[in-house]
Amino acid sequence: MDLGLKGCKVILTGGSRGIGRAALEIFAQEGADIAFFSRNKDQVDETIAALSKHGGKVFGETFDLNDEGYTEWLQRAADALGGCDIFVPGASASGSQATADWNISFNFDVMATVRGCEALEPHLEASGRGSIIIMSSTAAVETFIVPQAFNAMKAALITYGKQLSQALAVKKIRVNAVSPGPVSFPGGNWEAIKSAMPELYDKTLGEIALGRFPEPMEVARTIVFLASPASSATTGTNVIVDGGYTKRVQF
């Protein structure tokens, strides 16, 4: 299927590993121009080199959400690409192993999403086919491990995304959320849990209906499709990608 992404300008935060990196790979393969940041310079350099092989424009820099200048970075990225058609605020407290920290979770997951959407709204409106993919989690929709900041903040983002989809529809900007379940990849959180807390790892694996942890690319494909013109009538939804981990019925 042609997703209609050739020449699209994509800004994705936190994109040098895991789900974000996988999504950037697909966007680049589809012919999109992409911008991203990450805290790790080596990972940024490697990602730029790998994605540039697909022929599109790649703008990547080292940046930490703890630093000042986030909205300025977004504007710099939009300037480098010549606009923004798709925004995926993927940087999260989870990537910093700070899911229990309320301030970091609020600033990284909620406020970085809100501030990013506000900063890029003029570019997304000018696009005429603007699309925002908000990254939530199955931790937002079912009880997960213990009460913690990450779970609550990801739940807040689902409500924010739904309301934003209604507010921005008149500007031809679609807003959707994607909620991954536990995802395993080398260097990721669940690989660390496998070593440090094998009982939790085995318990979680046993609760996934498909019998395995989803991989980043499997979540990334959903992100890219929802963001693309191929899903042009979809807005205000939250898509669960969890291999059957959650058990609730959603009407």
C-alpha atoms as a PDB file:
ATOM      1  CA  MET A   1       0.000   0.000   0.000  1.00  0.00           C
ATOM      2  CA  ASP A   2       1.200   3.493  -0.859  1.00  0.00           C
ATOM      3  CA  LEU A   3       0.918   5.449   2.386  1.00  0.00           C
ATOM      4  CA  GLY A   4       1.304   8.785   0.616  1.00  0.00           C
ATOM      5  CA  LEU A   5       4.303   9.802   2.723  1.00  0.00           C
ATOM      6  CA  LYS A   6       6.774  10.725  -0.011  1.00  0.00           C
ATOM      7  CA  GLY A   7       7.952  14.258   0.671  1.00  0.00           C
ATOM      8  CA  CYS A   8       6.114  14.499   3.998  1.00  0.00           C
ATOM      9  CA  LYS A   9       7.969  16.327   6.751  1.00  0.00           C
ATOM     10  CA  VAL A  10       8.062  14.368  10.023  1.00  0.00           C
ATOM     11  CA  ILE A  11       9.267  15.581  13.423  1.00  0.00           C
ATOM     12  CA  LEU A  12       9.636  12.797  15.982  1.00  0.00           C
ATOM     13  CA  THR A  13      11.239  13.304  19.393  1.00  0.00           C
ATOM     14  CA  GLY A  14      13.336  10.635  21.087  1.00  0.00           C
ATOM     15  CA  GLY A  15      14.003   8.696  17.916  1.00  0.00           C
ATOM     16  CA  SER A  16      17.349   6.950  18.161  1.00  0.00           C
ATOM     17  CA  ARG A  17      16.196   3.642  19.685  1.00  0.00           C
ATOM     18  CA  GLY A  18      13.191   1.435  20.291  1.00  0.00           C
ATOM     19  CA  ILE A  19       9.775   2.359  18.878  1.00  0.00           C
ATOM     20  CA  GLY A  20      10.847   5.843  17.811  1.00  0.00           C
ATOM     21  CA  ARG A  21      13.803   4.572  15.820  1.00  0.00           C
ATOM     22  CA  ALA A  22      11.666   1.925  14.151  1.00  0.00           C
ATOM     23  CA  ALA A  23       9.075   4.545  13.158  1.00  0.00           C
ATOM     24  CA  LEU A  24      11.769   6.797  11.700  1.00  0.00           C
ATOM     25  CA  GLU A  25      13.061   3.863   9.664  1.00  0.00           C
ATOM     26  CA  ILE A  26       9.631   3.331   8.090  1.00  0.00           C
ATOM     27  CA  PHE A  27       9.070   7.040   7.480  1.00  0.00           C
ATOM     28  CA  ALA A  28      12.450   7.247   5.758  1.00  0.00           C
ATOM     29  CA  GLN A  29      11.772   4.150   3.659  1.00  0.00           C
ATOM     30  CA  GLU A  30       8.466   5.713   2.566  1.00  0.00           C
ATOM     31  CA  GLY A  31      10.275   8.791   1.287  1.00  0.00           C
ATOM     32  CA  ALA A  32       9.563  11.244   4.107  1.00  0.00           C
ATOM     33  CA  ASP A  33      11.959  13.915   5.353  1.00  0.00           C
ATOM     34  CA  ILE A  34      12.569  13.485   9.078  1.00  0.00           C
ATOM     35  CA  ALA A  35      13.826  15.366  12.109  1.00  0.00           C
ATOM     36  CA  PHE A  36      14.540  13.885  15.521  1.00  0.00           C
ATOM     37  CA  PHE A  37      16.567  14.313  18.683  1.00  0.00           C
ATOM     38  CA  SER A  38      18.011  12.019  21.314  1.00  0.00           C
ATOM     39  CA  ARG A  39      20.233  12.401  24.373  1.00  0.00           C
ATOM     40  CA  ASN A  40      22.920  10.032  23.108  1.00  0.00           C
ATOM     41  CA  LYS A  41      25.250  11.549  20.498  1.00  0.00           C
ATOM     42  CA  ASP A  42      26.567   8.228  19.236  1.00  0.00           C
ATOM     43  CA  GLN A  43      23.024   6.972  18.686  1.00  0.00           C
ATOM     44  CA  VAL A  44      22.074  10.211  16.942  1.00  0.00           C
ATOM     45  CA  ASP A  45      25.061   9.985  14.598  1.00  0.00           C
ATOM     46  CA  GLU A  46      24.385   6.328  13.797  1.00  0.00           C
ATOM     47  CA  THR A  47      20.691   7.025  13.155  1.00  0.00           C
ATOM     48  CA  ILE A  48      21.452   9.920  10.815  1.00  0.00           C
ATOM     49  CA  ALA A  49      23.890   7.770   8.847  1.00  0.00           C
ATOM     50  CA  ALA A  50      21.477   4.858   8.575  1.00  0.00           C
ATOM     51  CA  LEU A  51      18.404   6.872   7.599  1.00  0.00           C
ATOM     52  CA  SER A  52      20.191   9.142   5.145  1.00  0.00           C
ATOM     53  CA  LYS A  53      20.719   6.110   2.911  1.00  0.00           C
ATOM     54  CA  HIS A  54      17.037   6.246   1.947  1.00  0.00           C
ATOM     55  CA  GLY A  55      17.568   9.537   0.139  1.00  0.00           C
ATOM     56  CA  GLY A  56      15.374  11.903   2.134  1.00  0.00           C
ATOM     57  CA  LYS A  57      16.405  14.818   4.297  1.00  0.00           C
ATOM     58  CA  VAL A  58      17.473  13.828   7.831  1.00  0.00           C
ATOM     59  CA  PHE A  59      17.903  16.417  10.581  1.00  0.00           C
ATOM     60  CA  GLY A  60      19.081  14.981  13.902  1.00  0.00           C
ATOM     61  CA  GLU A  61      20.610  16.578  16.967  1.00  0.00           C
ATOM     62  CA  THR A  62      21.584  15.723  20.516  1.00  0.00           C
ATOM     63  CA  PHE A  63      19.070  17.233  22.917  1.00  0.00           C
ATOM     64  CA  ASP A  64      17.771  16.493  26.431  1.00  0.00           C
ATOM     65  CA  LEU A  65      14.281  17.446  27.542  1.00  0.00           C
ATOM     66  CA  ASN A  66      15.788  18.449  30.881  1.00  0.00           C
ATOM     67  CA  ASP A  67      17.480  21.324  29.034  1.00  0.00           C
ATOM     68  CA  GLU A  68      15.991  24.656  28.021  1.00  0.00           C
ATOM     69  CA  GLY A  69      15.096  25.329  24.421  1.00  0.00           C
ATOM     70  CA  TYR A  70      12.648  22.558  23.512  1.00  0.00           C
ATOM     71  CA  THR A  71      10.265  24.725  21.504  1.00  0.00           C
ATOM     72  CA  GLU A  72      13.244  26.424  19.881  1.00  0.00           C
ATOM     73  CA  TRP A  73      14.524  23.006  18.805  1.00  0.00           C
ATOM     74  CA  LEU A  74      11.132  22.176  17.281  1.00  0.00           C
ATOM     75  CA  GLN A  75      11.173  25.411  15.305  1.00  0.00           C
ATOM     76  CA  ARG A  76      14.722  24.719  14.179  1.00  0.00           C
ATOM     77  CA  ALA A  77      13.648  21.267  13.008  1.00  0.00           C
ATOM     78  CA  ALA A  78      10.665  22.683  11.114  1.00  0.00           C
ATOM     79  CA  ASP A  79      12.920  25.264   9.482  1.00  0.00           C
ATOM     80  CA  ALA A  80      15.385  22.553   8.473  1.00  0.00           C
ATOM     81  CA  LEU A  81      12.644  20.465   6.871  1.00  0.00           C
ATOM     82  CA  GLY A  82      10.701  23.377   5.414  1.00  0.00           C
ATOM     83  CA  GLY A  83       7.632  22.776   7.570  1.00  0.00           C
ATOM     84  CA  CYS A  84       5.956  19.928   9.454  1.00  0.00           C
ATOM     85  CA  ASP A  85       3.228  17.551   8.271  1.00  0.00           C
ATOM     86  CA  ILE A  86       3.502  14.955  11.047  1.00  0.00           C
ATOM     87  CA  PHE A  87       4.466  15.341  14.707  1.00  0.00           C
ATOM     88  CA  VAL A  88       5.173  12.373  16.990  1.00  0.00           C
ATOM     89  CA  PRO A  89       6.194  13.450  20.520  1.00  0.00           C
ATOM     90  CA  GLY A  90       7.857  10.192  21.519  1.00  0.00           C
ATOM     91  CA  ALA A  91      10.381  11.244  24.174  1.00  0.00           C
ATOM     92  CA  SER A  92       9.251   9.882  27.537  1.00  0.00           C
ATOM     93  CA  ALA A  93      10.185   9.432  31.166  1.00  0.00           C
ATOM     94  CA  SER A  94      10.235   5.729  30.385  1.00  0.00           C
ATOM     95  CA  GLY A  95      13.339   6.194  28.267  1.00  0.00           C
ATOM     96  CA  SER A  96      15.047   7.809  31.259  1.00  0.00           C
ATOM     97  CA  GLN A  97      13.938   5.020  33.631  1.00  0.00           C
ATOM     98  CA  ALA A  98      12.006   7.691  35.557  1.00  0.00           C
ATOM     99  CA  THR A  99       8.483   6.284  35.452  1.00  0.00           C
ATOM    100  CA  ALA A 100       8.029   6.811  39.198  1.00  0.00           C
ATOM    101  CA  ASP A 101       9.141  10.456  39.132  1.00  0.00           C
ATOM    102  CA  TRP A 102       6.085  12.725  38.980  1.00  0.00           C
ATOM    103  CA  ASN A 103       7.905  15.855  37.857  1.00  0.00           C
ATOM    104  CA  ILE A 104       9.874  14.170  35.088  1.00  0.00           C
ATOM    105  CA  SER A 105       6.837  12.214  33.879  1.00  0.00           C
ATOM    106  CA  PHE A 106       4.725  15.367  33.817  1.00  0.00           C
ATOM    107  CA  ASN A 107       7.369  17.412  32.017  1.00  0.00           C
ATOM    108  CA  PHE A 108       8.539  14.752  29.559  1.00  0.00           C
ATOM    109  CA  ASP A 109       5.288  12.994  28.704  1.00  0.00           C
ATOM    110  CA  VAL A 110       2.553  15.583  29.207  1.00  0.00           C
ATOM    111  CA  MET A 111       4.066  19.036  28.863  1.00  0.00           C
ATOM    112  CA  ALA A 112       6.516  18.157  26.094  1.00  0.00           C
ATOM    113  CA  THR A 113       3.542  16.815  24.131  1.00  0.00           C
ATOM    114  CA  VAL A 114       1.370  19.860  24.848  1.00  0.00           C
ATOM    115  CA  ARG A 115       4.097  22.408  24.188  1.00  0.00           C
ATOM    116  CA  GLY A 116       5.148  20.572  21.045  1.00  0.00           C
ATOM    117  CA  CYS A 117       1.626  20.493  19.640  1.00  0.00           C
ATOM    118  CA  GLU A 118       1.189  24.187  20.367  1.00  0.00           C
ATOM    119  CA  ALA A 119       4.547  25.144  18.847  1.00  0.00           C
ATOM    120  CA  LEU A 120       4.033  23.140  15.663  1.00  0.00           C
ATOM    121  CA  GLU A 121       0.331  23.869  15.177  1.00  0.00           C
ATOM    122  CA  PRO A 122       0.943  26.666  12.625  1.00  0.00           C
ATOM    123  CA  HIS A 123       3.132  24.355  10.529  1.00  0.00           C
ATOM    124  CA  LEU A 124       0.658  21.482  10.783  1.00  0.00           C
ATOM    125  CA  GLU A 125      -2.201  23.774   9.747  1.00  0.00           C
ATOM    126  CA  ALA A 126      -0.224  25.132   6.804  1.00  0.00           C
ATOM    127  CA  SER A 127       0.382  21.542   5.714  1.00  0.00           C
ATOM    128  CA  GLY A 128      -3.302  20.985   4.978  1.00  0.00           C
ATOM    129  CA  ARG A 129      -2.872  17.354   6.043  1.00  0.00           C
ATOM    130  CA  GLY A 130      -1.352  17.739   9.486  1.00  0.00           C
ATOM    131  CA  SER A 131      -1.196  14.711  11.754  1.00  0.00           C
ATOM    132  CA  ILE A 132      -0.219  14.277  15.408  1.00  0.00           C
ATOM    133  CA  ILE A 133       0.416  10.890  16.985  1.00  0.00           C
ATOM    134  CA  ILE A 134       0.380  11.050  20.776  1.00  0.00           C
ATOM    135  CA  MET A 135       2.248   8.250  22.514  1.00  0.00           C
ATOM    136  CA  SER A 136       0.286   6.781  25.415  1.00  0.00           C
ATOM    137  CA  SER A 137       0.526   3.274  26.917  1.00  0.00           C
ATOM    138  CA  THR A 138      -1.567   0.323  28.026  1.00  0.00           C
ATOM    139  CA  ALA A 139      -0.473   1.411  31.506  1.00  0.00           C
ATOM    140  CA  ALA A 140      -3.021   4.198  31.039  1.00  0.00           C
ATOM    141  CA  VAL A 141      -6.012   1.938  30.431  1.00  0.00           C
ATOM    142  CA  GLU A 142      -5.515  -0.925  32.898  1.00  0.00           C
ATOM    143  CA  THR A 143      -3.881  -1.287  36.297  1.00  0.00           C
ATOM    144  CA  PHE A 144      -0.181  -1.865  35.704  1.00  0.00           C
ATOM    145  CA  ILE A 145       2.328  -3.068  38.339  1.00  0.00           C
ATOM    146  CA  VAL A 146       2.016  -0.256  40.941  1.00  0.00           C
ATOM    147  CA  PRO A 147       0.536   3.251  41.154  1.00  0.00           C
ATOM    148  CA  GLN A 148       3.114   5.475  39.486  1.00  0.00           C
ATOM    149  CA  ALA A 149       3.477   8.756  37.657  1.00  0.00           C
ATOM    150  CA  PHE A 150       3.977   7.264  34.192  1.00  0.00           C
ATOM    151  CA  ASN A 151       0.626   5.468  34.261  1.00  0.00           C
ATOM    152  CA  ALA A 152      -1.302   8.577  35.297  1.00  0.00           C
ATOM    153  CA  MET A 153       0.425  10.877  32.814  1.00  0.00           C
ATOM    154  CA  LYS A 154      -0.146   8.514  29.908  1.00  0.00           C
ATOM    155  CA  ALA A 155      -3.838   8.389  30.860  1.00  0.00           C
ATOM    156  CA  ALA A 156      -3.973  12.185  30.802  1.00  0.00           C
ATOM    157  CA  LEU A 157      -2.565  12.175  27.278  1.00  0.00           C
ATOM    158  CA  ILE A 158      -5.441  10.042  25.964  1.00  0.00           C
ATOM    159  CA  THR A 159      -7.963  12.631  27.153  1.00  0.00           C
ATOM    160  CA  TYR A 160      -5.831  15.490  25.858  1.00  0.00           C
ATOM    161  CA  GLY A 161      -5.490  13.823  22.466  1.00  0.00           C
ATOM    162  CA  LYS A 162      -9.227  13.195  22.127  1.00  0.00           C
ATOM    163  CA  GLN A 163     -10.101  16.785  22.963  1.00  0.00           C
ATOM    164  CA  LEU A 164      -7.315  18.145  20.756  1.00  0.00           C
ATOM    165  CA  SER A 165      -8.631  16.110  17.831  1.00  0.00           C
ATOM    166  CA  GLN A 166     -11.948  17.908  18.067  1.00  0.00           C
ATOM    167  CA  ALA A 167     -10.373  21.340  18.441  1.00  0.00           C
ATOM    168  CA  LEU A 168      -7.934  20.980  15.528  1.00  0.00           C
ATOM    169  CA  ALA A 169     -10.194  19.219  13.030  1.00  0.00           C
ATOM    170  CA  VAL A 170     -11.303  22.551  11.593  1.00  0.00           C
ATOM    171  CA  LYS A 171      -7.640  23.221  10.764  1.00  0.00           C
ATOM    172  CA  LYS A 172      -7.370  19.881   8.924  1.00  0.00           C
ATOM    173  CA  ILE A 173      -5.101  18.461  11.639  1.00  0.00           C
ATOM    174  CA  ARG A 174      -5.778  14.892  12.754  1.00  0.00           C
ATOM    175  CA  VAL A 175      -4.847  13.726  16.265  1.00  0.00           C
ATOM    176  CA  ASN A 176      -4.618  10.091  17.320  1.00  0.00           C
ATOM    177  CA  ALA A 177      -2.957   8.146  20.118  1.00  0.00           C
ATOM    178  CA  VAL A 178      -1.073   4.859  20.084  1.00  0.00           C
ATOM    179  CA  SER A 179      -0.795   2.820  23.273  1.00  0.00           C
ATOM    180  CA  PRO A 180       1.869   0.110  23.212  1.00  0.00           C
ATOM    181  CA  GLY A 181       1.935  -2.646  25.782  1.00  0.00           C
ATOM    182  CA  PRO A 182       5.192  -4.095  27.081  1.00  0.00           C
ATOM    183  CA  VAL A 183       7.719  -4.059  24.228  1.00  0.00           C
ATOM    184  CA  SER A 184      11.064  -5.847  24.321  1.00  0.00           C
ATOM    185  CA  PHE A 185      14.235  -4.930  22.420  1.00  0.00           C
ATOM    186  CA  PRO A 186      17.981  -5.002  23.152  1.00  0.00           C
ATOM    187  CA  GLY A 187      18.834  -2.283  25.656  1.00  0.00           C
ATOM    188  CA  GLY A 188      15.177  -1.619  26.451  1.00  0.00           C
ATOM    189  CA  ASN A 189      13.399  -1.569  29.791  1.00  0.00           C
ATOM    190  CA  TRP A 190      12.006  -5.087  29.529  1.00  0.00           C
ATOM    191  CA  GLU A 191      15.392  -6.561  28.743  1.00  0.00           C
ATOM    192  CA  ALA A 192      16.650  -4.937  31.953  1.00  0.00           C
ATOM    193  CA  ILE A 193      13.642  -6.261  33.872  1.00  0.00           C
ATOM    194  CA  LYS A 194      14.346  -9.747  32.536  1.00  0.00           C
ATOM    195  CA  SER A 195      17.714  -9.682  34.300  1.00  0.00           C
ATOM    196  CA  ALA A 196      16.800  -7.716  37.424  1.00  0.00           C
ATOM    197  CA  MET A 197      13.261  -9.005  38.066  1.00  0.00           C
ATOM    198  CA  PRO A 198      12.785 -12.281  36.205  1.00  0.00           C
ATOM    199  CA  GLU A 199       9.570 -13.113  38.081  1.00  0.00           C
ATOM    200  CA  LEU A 200       7.913  -9.894  36.851  1.00  0.00           C
ATOM    201  CA  TYR A 201       9.202 -10.530  33.333  1.00  0.00           C
ATOM    202  CA  ASP A 202       7.844 -14.086  33.272  1.00  0.00           C
ATOM    203  CA  LYS A 203       4.506 -13.015  34.796  1.00  0.00           C
ATOM    204  CA  THR A 204       4.066 -10.291  32.186  1.00  0.00           C
ATOM    205  CA  LEU A 205       5.049 -12.600  29.335  1.00  0.00           C
ATOM    206  CA  GLY A 206       2.500 -15.124  30.578  1.00  0.00           C
ATOM    207  CA  GLU A 207      -0.254 -12.482  30.371  1.00  0.00           C
ATOM    208  CA  ILE A 208       0.401 -11.610  26.714  1.00  0.00           C
ATOM    209  CA  ALA A 209      -2.113 -13.582  24.640  1.00  0.00           C
ATOM    210  CA  LEU A 210       0.214 -14.001  21.657  1.00  0.00           C
ATOM    211  CA  GLY A 211       2.826 -15.552  23.932  1.00  0.00           C
ATOM    212  CA  ARG A 212       5.617 -13.074  23.163  1.00  0.00           C
ATOM    213  CA  PHE A 213       6.555  -9.449  23.676  1.00  0.00           C
ATOM    214  CA  PRO A 214       5.783  -7.237  20.682  1.00  0.00           C
ATOM    215  CA  GLU A 215       8.797  -5.705  18.948  1.00  0.00           C
ATOM    216  CA  PRO A 216       9.295  -1.972  18.282  1.00  0.00           C
ATOM    217  CA  MET A 217       8.677  -2.336  14.536  1.00  0.00           C
ATOM    218  CA  GLU A 218       5.241  -3.826  15.174  1.00  0.00           C
ATOM    219  CA  VAL A 219       4.189  -0.721  17.101  1.00  0.00           C
ATOM    220  CA  ALA A 220       5.948   1.592  14.659  1.00  0.00           C
ATOM    221  CA  ARG A 221       3.914   0.309  11.713  1.00  0.00           C
ATOM    222  CA  THR A 222       0.724   1.395  13.478  1.00  0.00           C
ATOM    223  CA  ILE A 223       2.173   4.827  14.265  1.00  0.00           C
ATOM    224  CA  VAL A 224       3.206   5.409  10.662  1.00  0.00           C
ATOM    225  CA  PHE A 225      -0.086   4.220   9.185  1.00  0.00           C
ATOM    226  CA  LEU A 226      -2.196   6.389  11.514  1.00  0.00           C
ATOM    227  CA  ALA A 227       0.026   9.379  10.783  1.00  0.00           C
ATOM    228  CA  SER A 228      -0.104   8.903   7.033  1.00  0.00           C
ATOM    229  CA  PRO A 229      -2.587  10.169   4.436  1.00  0.00           C
ATOM    230  CA  ALA A 230      -3.619   6.519   3.989  1.00  0.00           C
ATOM    231  CA  SER A 231      -5.531   6.915   7.278  1.00  0.00           C
ATOM    232  CA  SER A 232      -6.976  10.301   6.352  1.00  0.00           C
ATOM    233  CA  ALA A 233     -10.406   9.867   8.005  1.00  0.00           C
ATOM    234  CA  THR A 234      -9.083   8.630  11.361  1.00  0.00           C
ATOM    235  CA  THR A 235      -8.921  11.128  14.202  1.00  0.00           C
ATOM    236  CA  GLY A 236      -9.574  11.051  17.942  1.00  0.00           C
ATOM    237  CA  THR A 237      -8.824   7.372  18.384  1.00  0.00           C
ATOM    238  CA  ASN A 238      -6.467   5.447  20.666  1.00  0.00           C
ATOM    239  CA  VAL A 239      -5.013   2.273  19.168  1.00  0.00           C
ATOM    240  CA  ILE A 240      -3.771  -0.477  21.477  1.00  0.00           C
ATOM    241  CA  VAL A 241      -0.771  -2.485  20.217  1.00  0.00           C
ATOM    242  CA  ASP A 242      -0.008  -5.050  22.904  1.00  0.00           C
ATOM    243  CA  GLY A 243      -0.197  -8.611  21.601  1.00  0.00           C
ATOM    244  CA  GLY A 244      -3.352  -9.163  23.655  1.00  0.00           C
ATOM    245  CA  TYR A 245      -1.851  -8.037  26.956  1.00  0.00           C
ATOM    246  CA  THR A 246      -4.834  -5.941  28.032  1.00  0.00           C
ATOM    247  CA  LYS A 247      -8.069  -7.773  28.812  1.00  0.00           C
ATOM    248  CA  ARG A 248     -10.728  -5.068  28.994  1.00  0.00           C
ATOM    249  CA  VAL A 249     -13.536  -4.767  26.458  1.00  0.00           C
ATOM    250  CA  GLN A 250     -13.647  -1.316  24.849  1.00  0.00           C
ATOM    251  CA  PHE A 251     -16.873  -0.237  23.142  1.00  0.00           C
END
